[in-house]
């Protein structure tokens, strides 16, 4: 299959976007201080 989008987050976490297939099940987050995305 083609690579597909799952989730995205902006610099401060105020904007989130999810693919319909994962919405409600997956959560994207980031720790700004630690340079980590989850």
ModelCIF file with pLDDT and N, C-alpha, C, O atoms, coordinates in Angstrom:
data_MODEL
#
_entry.id   MODEL 
#
_entity.id                         1 
_entity.type                       polymer 
_entity.pdbx_number_of_molecules   1 
#
_entity_poly.entity_id                      1 
_entity_poly.type                           'polypeptide(L)' 
_entity_poly.nstd_linkage                   no 
_entity_poly.nstd_monomer                   no 
_entity_poly.pdbx_seq_one_letter_code       
;(UNK)(UNK)(UNK)(UNK)(UNK)(UNK)(UNK)(UNK)(UNK)(UNK)(UNK)(UNK)(UNK)(UNK)(UNK)(UNK)
(UNK)(UNK)(UNK)(UNK)(UNK)(UNK)(UNK)(UNK)(UNK)(UNK)(UNK)(UNK)(UNK)(UNK)(UNK)(UNK)
(UNK)(UNK)(UNK)(UNK)(UNK)(UNK)
;
_entity_poly.pdbx_seq_one_letter_code_can   XXXXXXXXXXXXXXXXXXXXXXXXXXXXXXXXXXXXXX 
_entity_poly.pdbx_strand_id                 A 
#
loop_
_entity_poly_seq.entity_id 
_entity_poly_seq.num 
_entity_poly_seq.mon_id 
_entity_poly_seq.hetero 
1 1  UNK n 
1 2  UNK n 
1 3  UNK n 
1 4  UNK n 
1 5  UNK n 
1 6  UNK n 
1 7  UNK n 
1 8  UNK n 
1 9  UNK n 
1 10 UNK n 
1 11 UNK n 
1 12 UNK n 
1 13 UNK n 
1 14 UNK n 
1 15 UNK n 
1 16 UNK n 
1 17 UNK n 
1 18 UNK n 
1 19 UNK n 
1 20 UNK n 
1 21 UNK n 
1 22 UNK n 
1 23 UNK n 
1 24 UNK n 
1 25 UNK n 
1 26 UNK n 
1 27 UNK n 
1 28 UNK n 
1 29 UNK n 
1 30 UNK n 
1 31 UNK n 
1 32 UNK n 
1 33 UNK n 
1 34 UNK n 
1 35 UNK n 
1 36 UNK n 
1 37 UNK n 
1 38 UNK n 
#
_struct_asym.id          A 
_struct_asym.entity_id   1 
#
loop_
_ma_qa_metric.id 
_ma_qa_metric.mode 
_ma_qa_metric.name 
_ma_qa_metric.software_group_id 
_ma_qa_metric.type 
1 global pLDDT . pLDDT 
2 local  pLDDT . pLDDT 
#
_ma_qa_metric_global.metric_id      1 
_ma_qa_metric_global.metric_value   94.92 
_ma_qa_metric_global.model_id       1 
_ma_qa_metric_global.ordinal_id     1 
#
loop_
_ma_qa_metric_local.label_asym_id 
_ma_qa_metric_local.label_comp_id 
_ma_qa_metric_local.label_seq_id 
_ma_qa_metric_local.metric_id 
_ma_qa_metric_local.metric_value 
_ma_qa_metric_local.model_id 
_ma_qa_metric_local.ordinal_id 
A UNK 1  2 96.00 1 1  
A UNK 2  2 97.00 1 2  
A UNK 3  2 97.00 1 3  
A UNK 4  2 98.00 1 4  
A UNK 5  2 98.00 1 5  
A UNK 6  2 98.00 1 6  
A UNK 7  2 98.00 1 7  
A UNK 8  2 98.00 1 8  
A UNK 9  2 97.00 1 9  
A UNK 10 2 94.00 1 10 
A UNK 11 2 87.00 1 11 
A UNK 12 2 86.00 1 12 
A UNK 13 2 91.00 1 13 
A UNK 14 2 93.00 1 14 
A UNK 15 2 96.00 1 15 
A UNK 16 2 97.00 1 16 
A UNK 17 2 98.00 1 17 
A UNK 18 2 98.00 1 18 
A UNK 19 2 98.00 1 19 
A UNK 20 2 98.00 1 20 
A UNK 21 2 97.00 1 21 
A UNK 22 2 98.00 1 22 
A UNK 23 2 98.00 1 23 
A UNK 24 2 98.00 1 24 
A UNK 25 2 98.00 1 25 
A UNK 26 2 98.00 1 26 
A UNK 27 2 98.00 1 27 
A UNK 28 2 98.00 1 28 
A UNK 29 2 97.00 1 29 
A UNK 30 2 93.00 1 30 
A UNK 31 2 91.00 1 31 
A UNK 32 2 83.00 1 32 
A UNK 33 2 85.00 1 33 
A UNK 34 2 89.00 1 34 
A UNK 35 2 88.00 1 35 
A UNK 36 2 93.00 1 36 
A UNK 37 2 95.00 1 37 
A UNK 38 2 97.00 1 38 
#
loop_
_atom_site.group_PDB 
_atom_site.id 
_atom_site.type_symbol 
_atom_site.label_atom_id 
_atom_site.label_alt_id 
_atom_site.label_comp_id 
_atom_site.label_asym_id 
_atom_site.label_entity_id 
_atom_site.label_seq_id 
_atom_site.pdbx_PDB_ins_code 
_atom_site.Cartn_x 
_atom_site.Cartn_y 
_atom_site.Cartn_z 
_atom_site.occupancy 
_atom_site.B_iso_or_equiv 
_atom_site.pdbx_formal_charge 
_atom_site.auth_seq_id 
_atom_site.auth_comp_id 
_atom_site.auth_asym_id 
_atom_site.auth_atom_id 
_atom_site.pdbx_PDB_model_num 
ATOM 1   N N  . UNK A 1 1  ? 0.822   -1.200 0.000  1.00 96.00 ? 1  UNK A N  1 
ATOM 2   C CA . UNK A 1 1  ? 0.000   0.000  0.000  1.00 96.00 ? 1  UNK A CA 1 
ATOM 3   C C  . UNK A 1 1  ? 0.859   1.254  0.000  1.00 96.00 ? 1  UNK A C  1 
ATOM 4   O O  . UNK A 1 1  ? 2.037   1.219  0.354  1.00 96.00 ? 1  UNK A O  1 
ATOM 5   N N  . UNK A 1 2  ? 0.253   2.352  -0.400 1.00 97.00 ? 2  UNK A N  1 
ATOM 6   C CA . UNK A 1 2  ? 0.916   3.643  -0.351 1.00 97.00 ? 2  UNK A CA 1 
ATOM 7   C C  . UNK A 1 2  ? 1.064   4.095  1.096  1.00 97.00 ? 2  UNK A C  1 
ATOM 8   O O  . UNK A 1 2  ? 0.283   3.715  1.968  1.00 97.00 ? 2  UNK A O  1 
ATOM 9   N N  . UNK A 1 3  ? 2.073   4.904  1.326  1.00 97.00 ? 3  UNK A N  1 
ATOM 10  C CA . UNK A 1 3  ? 2.213   5.493  2.645  1.00 97.00 ? 3  UNK A CA 1 
ATOM 11  C C  . UNK A 1 3  ? 1.060   6.458  2.879  1.00 97.00 ? 3  UNK A C  1 
ATOM 12  O O  . UNK A 1 3  ? 0.715   7.244  1.996  1.00 97.00 ? 3  UNK A O  1 
ATOM 13  N N  . UNK A 1 4  ? 0.464   6.403  4.064  1.00 98.00 ? 4  UNK A N  1 
ATOM 14  C CA . UNK A 1 4  ? -0.696  7.219  4.352  1.00 98.00 ? 4  UNK A CA 1 
ATOM 15  C C  . UNK A 1 4  ? -0.513  8.035  5.614  1.00 98.00 ? 4  UNK A C  1 
ATOM 16  O O  . UNK A 1 4  ? 0.227   7.662  6.524  1.00 98.00 ? 4  UNK A O  1 
ATOM 17  N N  . UNK A 1 5  ? -1.201  9.147  5.640  1.00 98.00 ? 5  UNK A N  1 
ATOM 18  C CA . UNK A 1 5  ? -1.167  10.049 6.776  1.00 98.00 ? 5  UNK A CA 1 
ATOM 19  C C  . UNK A 1 5  ? -1.883  9.438  7.968  1.00 98.00 ? 5  UNK A C  1 
ATOM 20  O O  . UNK A 1 5  ? -2.907  8.773  7.816  1.00 98.00 ? 5  UNK A O  1 
ATOM 21  N N  . UNK A 1 6  ? -1.335  9.670  9.159  1.00 98.00 ? 6  UNK A N  1 
ATOM 22  C CA . UNK A 1 6  ? -1.951  9.200  10.386 1.00 98.00 ? 6  UNK A CA 1 
ATOM 23  C C  . UNK A 1 6  ? -2.364  10.367 11.280 1.00 98.00 ? 6  UNK A C  1 
ATOM 24  O O  . UNK A 1 6  ? -3.526  10.470 11.673 1.00 98.00 ? 6  UNK A O  1 
ATOM 25  N N  . UNK A 1 7  ? -1.416  11.244 11.600 1.00 98.00 ? 7  UNK A N  1 
ATOM 26  C CA . UNK A 1 7  ? -1.692  12.343 12.520 1.00 98.00 ? 7  UNK A CA 1 
ATOM 27  C C  . UNK A 1 7  ? -0.643  13.425 12.375 1.00 98.00 ? 7  UNK A C  1 
ATOM 28  O O  . UNK A 1 7  ? 0.470   13.162 11.920 1.00 98.00 ? 7  UNK A O  1 
ATOM 29  N N  . UNK A 1 8  ? -0.998  14.652 12.764 1.00 98.00 ? 8  UNK A N  1 
ATOM 30  C CA . UNK A 1 8  ? -0.057  15.770 12.738 1.00 98.00 ? 8  UNK A CA 1 
ATOM 31  C C  . UNK A 1 8  ? -0.328  16.695 13.913 1.00 98.00 ? 8  UNK A C  1 
ATOM 32  O O  . UNK A 1 8  ? -1.435  16.739 14.448 1.00 98.00 ? 8  UNK A O  1 
ATOM 33  N N  . UNK A 1 9  ? 0.703   17.432 14.303 1.00 97.00 ? 9  UNK A N  1 
ATOM 34  C CA . UNK A 1 9  ? 0.616   18.361 15.417 1.00 97.00 ? 9  UNK A CA 1 
ATOM 35  C C  . UNK A 1 9  ? 1.483   19.575 15.113 1.00 97.00 ? 9  UNK A C  1 
ATOM 36  O O  . UNK A 1 9  ? 2.575   19.437 14.563 1.00 97.00 ? 9  UNK A O  1 
ATOM 37  N N  . UNK A 1 10 ? 1.005   20.760 15.467 1.00 94.00 ? 10 UNK A N  1 
ATOM 38  C CA . UNK A 1 10 ? 1.794   21.959 15.234 1.00 94.00 ? 10 UNK A CA 1 
ATOM 39  C C  . UNK A 1 10 ? 2.768   22.191 16.382 1.00 94.00 ? 10 UNK A C  1 
ATOM 40  O O  . UNK A 1 10 ? 2.901   21.352 17.273 1.00 94.00 ? 10 UNK A O  1 
ATOM 41  N N  . UNK A 1 11 ? 3.444   23.329 16.353 1.00 87.00 ? 11 UNK A N  1 
ATOM 42  C CA . UNK A 1 11 ? 4.570   23.539 17.264 1.00 87.00 ? 11 UNK A CA 1 
ATOM 43  C C  . UNK A 1 11 ? 4.199   23.498 18.733 1.00 87.00 ? 11 UNK A C  1 
ATOM 44  O O  . UNK A 1 11 ? 4.990   23.037 19.555 1.00 87.00 ? 11 UNK A O  1 
ATOM 45  N N  . UNK A 1 12 ? 3.002   23.976 19.082 1.00 86.00 ? 12 UNK A N  1 
ATOM 46  C CA . UNK A 1 12 ? 2.631   24.029 20.496 1.00 86.00 ? 12 UNK A CA 1 
ATOM 47  C C  . UNK A 1 12 ? 1.479   23.097 20.859 1.00 86.00 ? 12 UNK A C  1 
ATOM 48  O O  . UNK A 1 12 ? 0.972   23.142 21.980 1.00 86.00 ? 12 UNK A O  1 
ATOM 49  N N  . UNK A 1 13 ? 1.069   22.259 19.922 1.00 91.00 ? 13 UNK A N  1 
ATOM 50  C CA . UNK A 1 13 ? 0.007   21.313 20.189 1.00 91.00 ? 13 UNK A CA 1 
ATOM 51  C C  . UNK A 1 13 ? -1.393  21.882 20.108 1.00 91.00 ? 13 UNK A C  1 
ATOM 52  O O  . UNK A 1 13 ? -2.352  21.189 20.447 1.00 91.00 ? 13 UNK A O  1 
ATOM 53  N N  . UNK A 1 14 ? -1.544  23.124 19.670 1.00 93.00 ? 14 UNK A N  1 
ATOM 54  C CA . UNK A 1 14 ? -2.862  23.733 19.581 1.00 93.00 ? 14 UNK A CA 1 
ATOM 55  C C  . UNK A 1 14 ? -3.642  23.279 18.347 1.00 93.00 ? 14 UNK A C  1 
ATOM 56  O O  . UNK A 1 14 ? -4.859  23.452 18.280 1.00 93.00 ? 14 UNK A O  1 
ATOM 57  N N  . UNK A 1 15 ? -2.952  22.707 17.387 1.00 96.00 ? 15 UNK A N  1 
ATOM 58  C CA . UNK A 1 15 ? -3.591  22.201 16.185 1.00 96.00 ? 15 UNK A CA 1 
ATOM 59  C C  . UNK A 1 15 ? -3.247  20.724 16.014 1.00 96.00 ? 15 UNK A C  1 
ATOM 60  O O  . UNK A 1 15 ? -2.081  20.329 16.041 1.00 96.00 ? 15 UNK A O  1 
ATOM 61  N N  . UNK A 1 16 ? -4.275  19.935 15.841 1.00 97.00 ? 16 UNK A N  1 
ATOM 62  C CA . UNK A 1 16 ? -4.130  18.494 15.676 1.00 97.00 ? 16 UNK A CA 1 
ATOM 63  C C  . UNK A 1 16 ? -4.941  18.047 14.485 1.00 97.00 ? 16 UNK A C  1 
ATOM 64  O O  . UNK A 1 16 ? -5.995  18.612 14.192 1.00 97.00 ? 16 UNK A O  1 
ATOM 65  N N  . UNK A 1 17 ? -4.454  17.040 13.804 1.00 98.00 ? 17 UNK A N  1 
ATOM 66  C CA . UNK A 1 17 ? -5.209  16.467 12.709 1.00 98.00 ? 17 UNK A CA 1 
ATOM 67  C C  . UNK A 1 17 ? -4.988  14.966 12.671 1.00 98.00 ? 17 UNK A C  1 
ATOM 68  O O  . UNK A 1 17 ? -3.872  14.485 12.868 1.00 98.00 ? 17 UNK A O  1 
ATOM 69  N N  . UNK A 1 18 ? -6.066  14.228 12.414 1.00 98.00 ? 18 UNK A N  1 
ATOM 70  C CA . UNK A 1 18 ? -6.013  12.783 12.384 1.00 98.00 ? 18 UNK A CA 1 
ATOM 71  C C  . UNK A 1 18 ? -6.680  12.245 11.131 1.00 98.00 ? 18 UNK A C  1 
ATOM 72  O O  . UNK A 1 18 ? -7.642  12.822 10.623 1.00 98.00 ? 18 UNK A O  1 
ATOM 73  N N  . UNK A 1 19 ? -6.158  11.139 10.644 1.00 98.00 ? 19 UNK A N  1 
ATOM 74  C CA . UNK A 1 19 ? -6.863  10.407 9.615  1.00 98.00 ? 19 UNK A CA 1 
ATOM 75  C C  . UNK A 1 19 ? -8.158  9.851  10.192 1.00 98.00 ? 19 UNK A C  1 
ATOM 76  O O  . UNK A 1 19 ? -8.217  9.493  11.368 1.00 98.00 ? 19 UNK A O  1 
ATOM 77  N N  . UNK A 1 20 ? -9.190  9.779  9.365  1.00 98.00 ? 20 UNK A N  1 
ATOM 78  C CA . UNK A 1 20 ? -10.471 9.261  9.836  1.00 98.00 ? 20 UNK A CA 1 
ATOM 79  C C  . UNK A 1 20 ? -10.344 7.847  10.405 1.00 98.00 ? 20 UNK A C  1 
ATOM 80  O O  . UNK A 1 20 ? -11.063 7.479  11.333 1.00 98.00 ? 20 UNK A O  1 
ATOM 81  N N  . UNK A 1 21 ? -9.444  7.073  9.854  1.00 97.00 ? 21 UNK A N  1 
ATOM 82  C CA . UNK A 1 21 ? -9.298  5.688  10.260 1.00 97.00 ? 21 UNK A CA 1 
ATOM 83  C C  . UNK A 1 21 ? -8.764  5.520  11.679 1.00 97.00 ? 21 UNK A C  1 
ATOM 84  O O  . UNK A 1 21 ? -8.921  4.454  12.275 1.00 97.00 ? 21 UNK A O  1 
ATOM 85  N N  . UNK A 1 22 ? -8.135  6.556  12.225 1.00 98.00 ? 22 UNK A N  1 
ATOM 86  C CA . UNK A 1 22 ? -7.554  6.450  13.562 1.00 98.00 ? 22 UNK A CA 1 
ATOM 87  C C  . UNK A 1 22 ? -8.182  7.411  14.558 1.00 98.00 ? 22 UNK A C  1 
ATOM 88  O O  . UNK A 1 22 ? -7.885  7.335  15.750 1.00 98.00 ? 22 UNK A O  1 
ATOM 89  N N  . UNK A 1 23 ? -9.029  8.301  14.108 1.00 98.00 ? 23 UNK A N  1 
ATOM 90  C CA . UNK A 1 23 ? -9.631  9.289  14.994 1.00 98.00 ? 23 UNK A CA 1 
ATOM 91  C C  . UNK A 1 23 ? -10.406 8.602  16.114 1.00 98.00 ? 23 UNK A C  1 
ATOM 92  O O  . UNK A 1 23 ? -11.195 7.689  15.870 1.00 98.00 ? 23 UNK A O  1 
ATOM 93  N N  . UNK A 1 24 ? -10.174 9.050  17.334 1.00 98.00 ? 24 UNK A N  1 
ATOM 94  C CA . UNK A 1 24 ? -10.810 8.456  18.489 1.00 98.00 ? 24 UNK A CA 1 
ATOM 95  C C  . UNK A 1 24 ? -10.026 7.324  19.110 1.00 98.00 ? 24 UNK A C  1 
ATOM 96  O O  . UNK A 1 24 ? -10.317 6.911  20.232 1.00 98.00 ? 24 UNK A O  1 
ATOM 97  N N  . UNK A 1 25 ? -9.032  6.813  18.395 1.00 98.00 ? 25 UNK A N  1 
ATOM 98  C CA . UNK A 1 25 ? -8.205  5.727  18.915 1.00 98.00 ? 25 UNK A CA 1 
ATOM 99  C C  . UNK A 1 25 ? -6.762  6.149  19.139 1.00 98.00 ? 25 UNK A C  1 
ATOM 100 O O  . UNK A 1 25 ? -6.122  5.696  20.089 1.00 98.00 ? 25 UNK A O  1 
ATOM 101 N N  . UNK A 1 26 ? -6.247  7.011  18.275 1.00 98.00 ? 26 UNK A N  1 
ATOM 102 C CA . UNK A 1 26 ? -4.858  7.453  18.355 1.00 98.00 ? 26 UNK A CA 1 
ATOM 103 C C  . UNK A 1 26 ? -4.799  8.891  18.852 1.00 98.00 ? 26 UNK A C  1 
ATOM 104 O O  . UNK A 1 26 ? -5.707  9.684  18.601 1.00 98.00 ? 26 UNK A O  1 
ATOM 105 N N  . UNK A 1 27 ? -3.731  9.216  19.555 1.00 98.00 ? 27 UNK A N  1 
ATOM 106 C CA . UNK A 1 27 ? -3.503  10.572 20.029 1.00 98.00 ? 27 UNK A CA 1 
ATOM 107 C C  . UNK A 1 27 ? -2.058  10.969 19.765 1.00 98.00 ? 27 UNK A C  1 
ATOM 108 O O  . UNK A 1 27 ? -1.127  10.284 20.189 1.00 98.00 ? 27 UNK A O  1 
ATOM 109 N N  . UNK A 1 28 ? -1.882  12.079 19.061 1.00 98.00 ? 28 UNK A N  1 
ATOM 110 C CA . UNK A 1 28 ? -0.546  12.614 18.845 1.00 98.00 ? 28 UNK A CA 1 
ATOM 111 C C  . UNK A 1 28 ? -0.279  13.695 19.887 1.00 98.00 ? 28 UNK A C  1 
ATOM 112 O O  . UNK A 1 28 ? -1.168  14.475 20.229 1.00 98.00 ? 28 UNK A O  1 
ATOM 113 N N  . UNK A 1 29 ? 0.939   13.734 20.380 1.00 97.00 ? 29 UNK A N  1 
ATOM 114 C CA . UNK A 1 29 ? 1.325   14.750 21.348 1.00 97.00 ? 29 UNK A CA 1 
ATOM 115 C C  . UNK A 1 29 ? 2.807   15.045 21.197 1.00 97.00 ? 29 UNK A C  1 
ATOM 116 O O  . UNK A 1 29 ? 3.535   14.316 20.523 1.00 97.00 ? 29 UNK A O  1 
ATOM 117 N N  . UNK A 1 30 ? 3.242   16.124 21.834 1.00 93.00 ? 30 UNK A N  1 
ATOM 118 C CA . UNK A 1 30 ? 4.662   16.432 21.800 1.00 93.00 ? 30 UNK A CA 1 
ATOM 119 C C  . UNK A 1 30 ? 5.090   17.051 23.116 1.00 93.00 ? 30 UNK A C  1 
ATOM 120 O O  . UNK A 1 30 ? 4.309   17.705 23.807 1.00 93.00 ? 30 UNK A O  1 
ATOM 121 N N  . UNK A 1 31 ? 6.339   16.827 23.436 1.00 91.00 ? 31 UNK A N  1 
ATOM 122 C CA . UNK A 1 31 ? 6.967   17.455 24.582 1.00 91.00 ? 31 UNK A CA 1 
ATOM 123 C C  . UNK A 1 31 ? 7.990   18.426 24.029 1.00 91.00 ? 31 UNK A C  1 
ATOM 124 O O  . UNK A 1 31 ? 9.071   18.026 23.598 1.00 91.00 ? 31 UNK A O  1 
ATOM 125 N N  . UNK A 1 32 ? 7.647   19.690 24.041 1.00 83.00 ? 32 UNK A N  1 
ATOM 126 C CA . UNK A 1 32 ? 8.475   20.721 23.433 1.00 83.00 ? 32 UNK A CA 1 
ATOM 127 C C  . UNK A 1 32 ? 9.875   20.757 24.040 1.00 83.00 ? 32 UNK A C  1 
ATOM 128 O O  . UNK A 1 32 ? 10.873  20.857 23.327 1.00 83.00 ? 32 UNK A O  1 
ATOM 129 N N  . UNK A 1 33 ? 9.930   20.673 25.365 1.00 85.00 ? 33 UNK A N  1 
ATOM 130 C CA . UNK A 1 33 ? 11.207  20.781 26.063 1.00 85.00 ? 33 UNK A CA 1 
ATOM 131 C C  . UNK A 1 33 ? 12.129  19.605 25.783 1.00 85.00 ? 33 UNK A C  1 
ATOM 132 O O  . UNK A 1 33 ? 13.351  19.757 25.776 1.00 85.00 ? 33 UNK A O  1 
ATOM 133 N N  . UNK A 1 34 ? 11.551  18.440 25.553 1.00 89.00 ? 34 UNK A N  1 
ATOM 134 C CA . UNK A 1 34 ? 12.337  17.229 25.344 1.00 89.00 ? 34 UNK A CA 1 
ATOM 135 C C  . UNK A 1 34 ? 12.564  16.892 23.874 1.00 89.00 ? 34 UNK A C  1 
ATOM 136 O O  . UNK A 1 34 ? 13.224  15.902 23.562 1.00 89.00 ? 34 UNK A O  1 
ATOM 137 N N  . UNK A 1 35 ? 12.029  17.696 22.978 1.00 88.00 ? 35 UNK A N  1 
ATOM 138 C CA . UNK A 1 35 ? 12.127  17.420 21.545 1.00 88.00 ? 35 UNK A CA 1 
ATOM 139 C C  . UNK A 1 35 ? 11.596  16.030 21.204 1.00 88.00 ? 35 UNK A C  1 
ATOM 140 O O  . UNK A 1 35 ? 12.213  15.285 20.442 1.00 88.00 ? 35 UNK A O  1 
ATOM 141 N N  . UNK A 1 36 ? 10.450  15.697 21.775 1.00 93.00 ? 36 UNK A N  1 
ATOM 142 C CA . UNK A 1 36 ? 9.843   14.393 21.574 1.00 93.00 ? 36 UNK A CA 1 
ATOM 143 C C  . UNK A 1 36 ? 8.437   14.534 21.013 1.00 93.00 ? 36 UNK A C  1 
ATOM 144 O O  . UNK A 1 36 ? 7.703   15.456 21.370 1.00 93.00 ? 36 UNK A O  1 
ATOM 145 N N  . UNK A 1 37 ? 8.075   13.623 20.141 1.00 95.00 ? 37 UNK A N  1 
ATOM 146 C CA . UNK A 1 37 ? 6.729   13.506 19.613 1.00 95.00 ? 37 UNK A CA 1 
ATOM 147 C C  . UNK A 1 37 ? 6.254   12.084 19.862 1.00 95.00 ? 37 UNK A C  1 
ATOM 148 O O  . UNK A 1 37 ? 7.028   11.134 19.745 1.00 95.00 ? 37 UNK A O  1 
ATOM 149 N N  . UNK A 1 38 ? 4.981   11.940 20.206 1.00 97.00 ? 38 UNK A N  1 
ATOM 150 C CA . UNK A 1 38 ? 4.447   10.637 20.564 1.00 97.00 ? 38 UNK A CA 1 
ATOM 151 C C  . UNK A 1 38 ? 3.191   10.327 19.762 1.00 97.00 ? 38 UNK A C  1 
ATOM 152 O O  . UNK A 1 38 ? 2.597   9.263  19.932 1.00 97.00 ? 38 UNK A O  1 
#
